[in-house]
Protein backbone atom coordinates (compact mmCIF):
# COMPACT_ATOMS: atom_id res chain seq x y z
CA MET A 1 63.20 35.21 112.60
CA LEU A 2 65.94 34.41 110.19
CA LYS A 3 69.45 34.13 111.59
CA ASN A 4 71.29 35.57 108.57
CA SER A 5 69.12 38.63 108.02
CA ARG A 6 71.40 41.53 107.05
CA GLY A 7 68.94 44.33 106.33
CA TYR A 8 68.34 43.88 102.64
CA PHE A 9 64.57 43.61 103.13
CA LEU A 10 64.06 47.37 103.58
CA LEU A 11 66.25 48.18 100.58
CA GLU A 12 64.43 45.64 98.42
CA ALA A 13 61.03 46.97 99.52
CA LEU A 14 62.03 50.56 98.68
CA LEU A 15 63.37 49.47 95.29
CA ALA A 16 60.17 47.56 94.51
CA LEU A 17 58.04 50.52 95.63
CA SER A 18 59.99 52.92 93.42
CA VAL A 19 59.67 50.64 90.38
CA PHE A 20 55.95 50.26 91.09
CA SER A 21 55.46 54.03 91.34
CA ILE A 22 57.30 54.62 88.05
CA VAL A 23 55.12 52.04 86.28
CA ILE A 24 51.92 53.50 87.76
CA SER A 25 52.88 57.06 86.75
CA GLY A 26 53.57 55.88 83.18
CA ILE A 27 50.21 54.15 83.01
CA GLY A 28 48.52 57.26 84.43
CA LEU A 29 50.01 59.46 81.71
CA ALA A 30 48.94 57.02 79.01
CA LEU A 31 45.40 56.87 80.40
CA HIS A 32 45.21 60.67 80.51
CA ALA A 33 46.29 60.91 76.86
CA LEU A 34 43.75 58.23 75.92
CA TYR A 35 40.95 60.08 77.74
CA THR A 36 41.88 63.37 76.03
CA GLU A 37 41.84 61.80 72.57
CA ARG A 38 38.53 60.03 73.23
CA PHE A 39 36.96 63.34 74.28
CA THR A 40 38.32 64.99 71.13
CA ILE A 41 36.65 62.27 69.05
CA LYS A 42 33.36 63.15 70.80
CA GLN A 43 33.94 66.77 69.83
CA GLU A 44 34.54 65.77 66.20
CA ARG A 45 31.34 63.74 66.13
CA GLU A 46 29.38 66.66 67.56
CA ALA A 47 30.92 68.99 64.98
CA LEU A 48 29.90 66.67 62.15
CA GLN A 49 26.37 66.41 63.54
CA LEU A 50 26.08 70.20 63.82
CA LEU A 51 27.44 70.59 60.29
CA SER A 52 24.90 68.11 58.99
CA ASN A 53 22.09 69.97 60.77
CA LYS A 54 23.27 73.31 59.41
CA MET A 55 23.45 71.94 55.86
CA THR A 56 19.91 70.59 56.19
CA ILE A 57 18.65 73.98 57.36
CA GLU A 58 20.37 75.71 54.43
CA ALA A 59 18.96 73.16 51.98
CA TRP A 60 15.47 74.10 53.13
CA GLY A 61 16.16 77.81 52.61
CA GLY A 62 17.43 78.72 56.04
CA ASP A 63 20.08 81.24 57.06
CA GLU A 64 23.11 81.81 54.85
CA GLY A 65 26.76 82.74 55.20
CA GLY A 66 28.68 84.76 57.71
CA SER A 67 30.61 83.66 60.72
CA SER A 68 28.99 82.71 63.99
CA TYR A 69 29.65 80.79 67.18
CA ILE A 70 27.55 78.03 68.68
CA ARG A 71 28.01 76.55 72.12
CA GLY A 72 27.79 72.77 71.87
CA GLN A 73 27.81 70.12 74.57
CA THR A 74 31.56 69.50 74.31
CA ALA A 75 33.05 72.70 72.86
CA GLU A 76 32.38 76.08 71.29
CA PHE A 77 32.15 75.78 67.53
CA GLN A 78 32.57 78.49 64.89
CA TRP A 79 30.85 78.56 61.50
CA ARG A 80 32.60 80.01 58.46
CA MET A 81 32.02 80.15 54.75
CA LEU A 82 35.29 79.00 53.17
CA GLU A 83 36.02 78.05 49.56
CA GLY A 84 32.37 78.15 48.65
CA GLY A 85 31.36 75.75 51.40
CA LEU A 86 30.29 75.84 55.00
CA CYS A 87 32.95 74.89 57.54
CA ILE A 88 32.87 74.37 61.29
CA GLU A 89 36.00 74.94 63.39
CA PHE A 90 36.86 74.15 66.99
CA THR A 91 39.81 73.63 69.27
CA GLY A 92 39.87 70.13 70.70
CA LYS A 93 40.61 69.20 74.26
CA ASN A 94 44.01 68.02 73.06
CA GLY A 95 44.84 71.61 72.00
CA ARG A 96 44.73 71.06 68.24
CA THR A 97 42.45 73.05 65.94
CA TYR A 98 40.03 71.08 63.79
CA ARG A 99 38.05 72.11 60.70
CA GLU A 100 35.26 70.09 59.13
CA CYS A 101 33.79 71.31 55.84
CA ASP A 102 30.77 70.23 53.83
CA VAL A 103 30.99 68.85 50.32
CA ARG A 104 28.70 70.53 47.80
CA LYS A 105 28.14 69.59 44.22
CA GLN A 106 28.83 72.47 41.86
């Protein structure tokens, strides 16, 4: 043992542990936000794929207009006819509402 030990070891260990826990909690929050945004990007990709499929069906003389819901793999999507075009809306995992609309030549 050291002769001049005055008890600073416990205080230093607690200080280091508290700094470590603050850093880990900050990293955890950043990782959670990153995961949420990545999942929302998956939802946007699914919405664009569904919109593309719906436009293809309409181009071949399928169903028209109205408002309807479809349960996807990542969210529940809603179809709407807005401004002369077909739009799909959903609320992302991050809490924001998204709208993707098709582009039609007039």
